Amino acid sequence: MLNLIGYNTRKLGEIFGEGYLQKGDLASARVELTEIADRCGDRCEEYDKLEKAIVIFMTGDDAGRSY
């Protein structure tokens, strides 16, 4: 169910942190990371996931991971 909600949200143009990376929009992904940090700090799971995805995006070292 959550996957379907996410799919529909992306199709409506409302993408979030990792979705920005899929579109190649690093700047917007970083803005999203800052917003997550403002809400829950840099110790929450969402922050960690997006931060790792940004590093992978920047280095090109996906090690079999998808974002």
PDB file of N, CA and C in Angstrom:
ATOM      1  N   MET A   1       0.818  -1.184   0.000  1.00  0.00           N
ATOM      2  CA  MET A   1       0.000   0.000   0.000  1.00  0.00           C
ATOM      3  C   MET A   1       0.872   1.263   0.000  1.00  0.00           C
ATOM      4  N   LEU A   2       1.891   1.264   0.867  1.00  0.00           N
ATOM      5  CA  LEU A   2       2.771   2.442   0.932  1.00  0.00           C
ATOM      6  C   LEU A   2       3.527   2.633  -0.379  1.00  0.00           C
ATOM      7  N   ASN A   3       3.916   1.538  -1.007  1.00  0.00           N
ATOM      8  CA  ASN A   3       4.604   1.631  -2.288  1.00  0.00           C
ATOM      9  C   ASN A   3       3.708   2.301  -3.324  1.00  0.00           C
ATOM     10  N   LEU A   4       2.449   1.933  -3.353  1.00  0.00           N
ATOM     11  CA  LEU A   4       1.493   2.520  -4.289  1.00  0.00           C
ATOM     12  C   LEU A   4       1.290   4.009  -4.010  1.00  0.00           C
ATOM     13  N   ILE A   5       1.216   4.376  -2.752  1.00  0.00           N
ATOM     14  CA  ILE A   5       1.087   5.797  -2.395  1.00  0.00           C
ATOM     15  C   ILE A   5       2.314   6.574  -2.872  1.00  0.00           C
ATOM     16  N   GLY A   6       3.502   6.003  -2.647  1.00  0.00           N
ATOM     17  CA  GLY A   6       4.727   6.655  -3.106  1.00  0.00           C
ATOM     18  C   GLY A   6       4.780   6.791  -4.612  1.00  0.00           C
ATOM     19  N   TYR A   7       4.361   5.748  -5.313  1.00  0.00           N
ATOM     20  CA  TYR A   7       4.341   5.782  -6.782  1.00  0.00           C
ATOM     21  C   TYR A   7       3.424   6.903  -7.267  1.00  0.00           C
ATOM     22  N   ASN A   8       2.224   6.953  -6.725  1.00  0.00           N
ATOM     23  CA  ASN A   8       1.273   7.991  -7.133  1.00  0.00           C
ATOM     24  C   ASN A   8       1.756   9.385  -6.781  1.00  0.00           C
ATOM     25  N   THR A   9       2.383   9.523  -5.639  1.00  0.00           N
ATOM     26  CA  THR A   9       2.924  10.819  -5.238  1.00  0.00           C
ATOM     27  C   THR A   9       3.976  11.289  -6.232  1.00  0.00           C
ATOM     28  N   ARG A  10       4.875  10.384  -6.631  1.00  0.00           N
ATOM     29  CA  ARG A  10       5.916  10.738  -7.606  1.00  0.00           C
ATOM     30  C   ARG A  10       5.296  11.098  -8.952  1.00  0.00           C
ATOM     31  N   LYS A  11       4.286  10.363  -9.364  1.00  0.00           N
ATOM     32  CA  LYS A  11       3.634  10.645 -10.644  1.00  0.00           C
ATOM     33  C   LYS A  11       2.950  12.013 -10.642  1.00  0.00           C
ATOM     34  N   LEU A  12       2.535  12.464  -9.480  1.00  0.00           N
ATOM     35  CA  LEU A  12       1.929  13.787  -9.371  1.00  0.00           C
ATOM     36  C   LEU A  12       2.974  14.900  -9.327  1.00  0.00           C
ATOM     37  N   GLY A  13       4.244  14.515  -9.340  1.00  0.00           N
ATOM     38  CA  GLY A  13       5.321  15.498  -9.324  1.00  0.00           C
ATOM     39  C   GLY A  13       5.774  15.887  -7.940  1.00  0.00           C
ATOM     40  N   GLU A  14       5.260  15.233  -6.918  1.00  0.00           N
ATOM     41  CA  GLU A  14       5.635  15.538  -5.549  1.00  0.00           C
ATOM     42  C   GLU A  14       6.680  14.520  -5.089  1.00  0.00           C
ATOM     43  N   ILE A  15       7.909  14.763  -5.450  1.00  0.00           N
ATOM     44  CA  ILE A  15       8.956  13.815  -5.086  1.00  0.00           C
ATOM     45  C   ILE A  15       9.710  14.299  -3.862  1.00  0.00           C
ATOM     46  N   PHE A  16      10.408  13.373  -3.222  1.00  0.00           N
ATOM     47  CA  PHE A  16      11.128  13.694  -2.001  1.00  0.00           C
ATOM     48  C   PHE A  16      12.596  13.390  -2.185  1.00  0.00           C
ATOM     49  N   GLY A  17      13.362  13.385  -1.112  1.00  0.00           N
ATOM     50  CA  GLY A  17      14.812  13.305  -1.143  1.00  0.00           C
ATOM     51  C   GLY A  17      15.411  12.335  -2.148  1.00  0.00           C
ATOM     52  N   GLU A  18      15.130  11.050  -2.025  1.00  0.00           N
ATOM     53  CA  GLU A  18      15.727  10.073  -2.925  1.00  0.00           C
ATOM     54  C   GLU A  18      15.157  10.195  -4.326  1.00  0.00           C
ATOM     55  N   GLY A  19      13.937  10.638  -4.437  1.00  0.00           N
ATOM     56  CA  GLY A  19      13.341  10.877  -5.749  1.00  0.00           C
ATOM     57  C   GLY A  19      14.070  11.982  -6.500  1.00  0.00           C
ATOM     58  N   TYR A  20      14.508  13.001  -5.769  1.00  0.00           N
ATOM     59  CA  TYR A  20      15.285  14.064  -6.404  1.00  0.00           C
ATOM     60  C   TYR A  20      16.576  13.501  -6.990  1.00  0.00           C
ATOM     61  N   LEU A  21      17.199  12.582  -6.288  1.00  0.00           N
ATOM     62  CA  LEU A  21      18.430  11.978  -6.795  1.00  0.00           C
ATOM     63  C   LEU A  21      18.158  11.177  -8.055  1.00  0.00           C
ATOM     64  N   GLN A  22      17.042  10.494  -8.105  1.00  0.00           N
ATOM     65  CA  GLN A  22      16.688   9.734  -9.301  1.00  0.00           C
ATOM     66  C   GLN A  22      16.536  10.655 -10.500  1.00  0.00           C
ATOM     67  N   LYS A  23      16.119  11.888 -10.246  1.00  0.00           N
ATOM     68  CA  LYS A  23      15.991  12.872 -11.316  1.00  0.00           C
ATOM     69  C   LYS A  23      17.293  13.633 -11.559  1.00  0.00           C
ATOM     70  N   GLY A  24      18.324  13.360 -10.743  1.00  0.00           N
ATOM     71  CA  GLY A  24      19.601  14.047 -10.896  1.00  0.00           C
ATOM     72  C   GLY A  24      19.656  15.413 -10.248  1.00  0.00           C
ATOM     73  N   ASP A  25      18.722  15.698  -9.352  1.00  0.00           N
ATOM     74  CA  ASP A  25      18.617  17.010  -8.709  1.00  0.00           C
ATOM     75  C   ASP A  25      19.239  16.962  -7.310  1.00  0.00           C
ATOM     76  N   LEU A  26      20.556  17.032  -7.268  1.00  0.00           N
ATOM     77  CA  LEU A  26      21.298  16.953  -6.014  1.00  0.00           C
ATOM     78  C   LEU A  26      20.969  18.116  -5.086  1.00  0.00           C
ATOM     79  N   ALA A  27      20.824  19.302  -5.624  1.00  0.00           N
ATOM     80  CA  ALA A  27      20.543  20.481  -4.793  1.00  0.00           C
ATOM     81  C   ALA A  27      19.238  20.318  -4.017  1.00  0.00           C
ATOM     82  N   SER A  28      18.199  19.844  -4.667  1.00  0.00           N
ATOM     83  CA  SER A  28      16.918  19.656  -3.981  1.00  0.00           C
ATOM     84  C   SER A  28      17.004  18.542  -2.949  1.00  0.00           C
ATOM     85  N   ALA A  29      17.779  17.495  -3.236  1.00  0.00           N
ATOM     86  CA  ALA A  29      17.968  16.416  -2.262  1.00  0.00           C
ATOM     87  C   ALA A  29      18.666  16.943  -1.014  1.00  0.00           C
ATOM     88  N   ARG A  30      19.629  17.827  -1.200  1.00  0.00           N
ATOM     89  CA  ARG A  30      20.321  18.422  -0.044  1.00  0.00           C
ATOM     90  C   ARG A  30      19.389  19.316   0.766  1.00  0.00           C
ATOM     91  N   VAL A  31      18.513  20.039   0.091  1.00  0.00           N
ATOM     92  CA  VAL A  31      17.527  20.862   0.793  1.00  0.00           C
ATOM     93  C   VAL A  31      16.625  19.958   1.631  1.00  0.00           C
ATOM     94  N   GLU A  32      16.205  18.846   1.046  1.00  0.00           N
ATOM     95  CA  GLU A  32      15.364  17.890   1.767  1.00  0.00           C
ATOM     96  C   GLU A  32      16.098  17.333   2.986  1.00  0.00           C
ATOM     97  N   LEU A  33      17.394  17.060   2.832  1.00  0.00           N
ATOM     98  CA  LEU A  33      18.204  16.561   3.949  1.00  0.00           C
ATOM     99  C   LEU A  33      18.238  17.577   5.089  1.00  0.00           C
ATOM    100  N   THR A  34      18.367  18.853   4.748  1.00  0.00           N
ATOM    101  CA  THR A  34      18.358  19.916   5.751  1.00  0.00           C
ATOM    102  C   THR A  34      17.015  19.984   6.458  1.00  0.00           C
ATOM    103  N   GLU A  35      15.933  19.833   5.703  1.00  0.00           N
ATOM    104  CA  GLU A  35      14.600  19.856   6.312  1.00  0.00           C
ATOM    105  C   GLU A  35      14.413  18.683   7.267  1.00  0.00           C
ATOM    106  N   ILE A  36      14.917  17.520   6.896  1.00  0.00           N
ATOM    107  CA  ILE A  36      14.832  16.354   7.785  1.00  0.00           C
ATOM    108  C   ILE A  36      15.619  16.626   9.062  1.00  0.00           C
ATOM    109  N   ALA A  37      16.812  17.201   8.915  1.00  0.00           N
ATOM    110  CA  ALA A  37      17.639  17.513  10.084  1.00  0.00           C
ATOM    111  C   ALA A  37      16.935  18.508  10.998  1.00  0.00           C
ATOM    112  N   ASP A  38      16.234  19.472  10.419  1.00  0.00           N
ATOM    113  CA  ASP A  38      15.502  20.451  11.221  1.00  0.00           C
ATOM    114  C   ASP A  38      14.371  19.801  12.019  1.00  0.00           C
ATOM    115  N   ARG A  39      13.785  18.762  11.458  1.00  0.00           N
ATOM    116  CA  ARG A  39      12.644  18.101  12.112  1.00  0.00           C
ATOM    117  C   ARG A  39      13.067  17.058  13.128  1.00  0.00           C
ATOM    118  N   CYS A  40      14.079  16.257  12.791  1.00  0.00           N
ATOM    119  CA  CYS A  40      14.394  15.147  13.701  1.00  0.00           C
ATOM    120  C   CYS A  40      15.872  15.043  14.028  1.00  0.00           C
ATOM    121  N   GLY A  41      16.649  15.990  13.578  1.00  0.00           N
ATOM    122  CA  GLY A  41      18.081  15.935  13.845  1.00  0.00           C
ATOM    123  C   GLY A  41      18.789  15.021  12.857  1.00  0.00           C
ATOM    124  N   ASP A  42      20.073  14.862  13.064  1.00  0.00           N
ATOM    125  CA  ASP A  42      20.845  14.034  12.133  1.00  0.00           C
ATOM    126  C   ASP A  42      21.018  12.612  12.646  1.00  0.00           C
ATOM    127  N   ARG A  43      20.162  12.202  13.559  1.00  0.00           N
ATOM    128  CA  ARG A  43      20.255  10.858  14.131  1.00  0.00           C
ATOM    129  C   ARG A  43      19.051   9.986  13.789  1.00  0.00           C
ATOM    130  N   CYS A  44      18.137  10.466  12.958  1.00  0.00           N
ATOM    131  CA  CYS A  44      16.965   9.654  12.634  1.00  0.00           C
ATOM    132  C   CYS A  44      17.230   8.818  11.383  1.00  0.00           C
ATOM    133  N   GLU A  45      16.455   7.778  11.224  1.00  0.00           N
ATOM    134  CA  GLU A  45      16.651   6.837  10.123  1.00  0.00           C
ATOM    135  C   GLU A  45      16.509   7.501   8.751  1.00  0.00           C
ATOM    136  N   GLU A  46      15.538   8.380   8.609  1.00  0.00           N
ATOM    137  CA  GLU A  46      15.319   9.045   7.328  1.00  0.00           C
ATOM    138  C   GLU A  46      16.527   9.885   6.930  1.00  0.00           C
ATOM    139  N   TYR A  47      17.116  10.559   7.898  1.00  0.00           N
ATOM    140  CA  TYR A  47      18.305  11.368   7.629  1.00  0.00           C
ATOM    141  C   TYR A  47      19.444  10.470   7.153  1.00  0.00           C
ATOM    142  N   ASP A  48      19.669   9.376   7.881  1.00  0.00           N
ATOM    143  CA  ASP A  48      20.753   8.466   7.526  1.00  0.00           C
ATOM    144  C   ASP A  48      20.589   7.893   6.126  1.00  0.00           C
ATOM    145  N   LYS A  49      19.365   7.501   5.782  1.00  0.00           N
ATOM    146  CA  LYS A  49      19.118   6.914   4.471  1.00  0.00           C
ATOM    147  C   LYS A  49      19.388   7.917   3.348  1.00  0.00           C
ATOM    148  N   LEU A  50      18.884   9.130   3.516  1.00  0.00           N
ATOM    149  CA  LEU A  50      19.076  10.131   2.471  1.00  0.00           C
ATOM    150  C   LEU A  50      20.533  10.559   2.394  1.00  0.00           C
ATOM    151  N   GLU A  51      21.181  10.705   3.526  1.00  0.00           N
ATOM    152  CA  GLU A  51      22.594  11.085   3.518  1.00  0.00           C
ATOM    153  C   GLU A  51      23.425  10.038   2.774  1.00  0.00           C
ATOM    154  N   LYS A  52      23.171   8.765   3.031  1.00  0.00           N
ATOM    155  CA  LYS A  52      23.893   7.692   2.329  1.00  0.00           C
ATOM    156  C   LYS A  52      23.594   7.711   0.841  1.00  0.00           C
ATOM    157  N   ALA A  53      22.330   7.941   0.485  1.00  0.00           N
ATOM    158  CA  ALA A  53      21.958   7.999  -0.926  1.00  0.00           C
ATOM    159  C   ALA A  53      22.662   9.152  -1.633  1.00  0.00           C
ATOM    160  N   ILE A  54      22.805  10.275  -0.953  1.00  0.00           N
ATOM    161  CA  ILE A  54      23.504  11.426  -1.544  1.00  0.00           C
ATOM    162  C   ILE A  54      24.977  11.094  -1.753  1.00  0.00           C
ATOM    163  N   VAL A  55      25.604  10.463  -0.779  1.00  0.00           N
ATOM    164  CA  VAL A  55      27.014  10.081  -0.918  1.00  0.00           C
ATOM    165  C   VAL A  55      27.186   9.122  -2.085  1.00  0.00           C
ATOM    166  N   ILE A  56      26.296   8.139  -2.185  1.00  0.00           N
ATOM    167  CA  ILE A  56      26.365   7.182  -3.285  1.00  0.00           C
ATOM    168  C   ILE A  56      26.173   7.904  -4.615  1.00  0.00           C
ATOM    169  N   PHE A  57      25.239   8.821  -4.670  1.00  0.00           N
ATOM    170  CA  PHE A  57      24.989   9.595  -5.887  1.00  0.00           C
ATOM    171  C   PHE A  57      26.225  10.387  -6.288  1.00  0.00           C
ATOM    172  N   MET A  58      26.868  11.018  -5.319  1.00  0.00           N
ATOM    173  CA  MET A  58      28.018  11.867  -5.605  1.00  0.00           C
ATOM    174  C   MET A  58      29.261  11.061  -5.990  1.00  0.00           C
ATOM    175  N   THR A  59      29.442   9.906  -5.368  1.00  0.00           N
ATOM    176  CA  THR A  59      30.637   9.103  -5.637  1.00  0.00           C
ATOM    177  C   THR A  59      30.450   8.116  -6.775  1.00  0.00           C
ATOM    178  N   GLY A  60      29.205   7.812  -7.081  1.00  0.00           N
ATOM    179  CA  GLY A  60      28.930   6.826  -8.120  1.00  0.00           C
ATOM    180  C   GLY A  60      29.136   5.400  -7.640  1.00  0.00           C
ATOM    181  N   ASP A  61      29.396   5.221  -6.378  1.00  0.00           N
ATOM    182  CA  ASP A  61      29.632   3.894  -5.816  1.00  0.00           C
ATOM    183  C   ASP A  61      28.347   3.373  -5.217  1.00  0.00           C
ATOM    184  N   ASP A  62      27.522   2.744  -6.055  1.00  0.00           N
ATOM    185  CA  ASP A  62      26.228   2.299  -5.559  1.00  0.00           C
ATOM    186  C   ASP A  62      26.294   0.931  -4.879  1.00  0.00           C
ATOM    187  N   ALA A  63      27.321   0.168  -5.105  1.00  0.00           N
ATOM    188  CA  ALA A  63      27.513  -1.143  -4.458  1.00  0.00           C
ATOM    189  C   ALA A  63      26.211  -1.951  -4.479  1.00  0.00           C
ATOM    190  N   GLY A  64      25.509  -1.900  -5.592  1.00  0.00           N
ATOM    191  CA  GLY A  64      24.295  -2.677  -5.727  1.00  0.00           C
ATOM    192  C   GLY A  64      23.077  -2.080  -5.067  1.00  0.00           C
ATOM    193  N   ARG A  65      23.212  -0.871  -4.527  1.00  0.00           N
ATOM    194  CA  ARG A  65      22.088  -0.210  -3.859  1.00  0.00           C
ATOM    195  C   ARG A  65      21.294   0.627  -4.830  1.00  0.00           C
ATOM    196  N   SER A  66      20.034   0.730  -4.577  1.00  0.00           N
ATOM    197  CA  SER A  66      19.223   1.657  -5.355  1.00  0.00           C
ATOM    198  C   SER A  66      18.675   2.711  -4.399  1.00  0.00           C
ATOM    199  N   TYR A  67      18.386   3.875  -4.935  1.00  0.00           N
ATOM    200  CA  TYR A  67      17.747   4.916  -4.138  1.00  0.00           C
ATOM    201  C   TYR A  67      16.539   5.295  -4.851  1.00  0.00           C
TER     202      TYR A  67
END
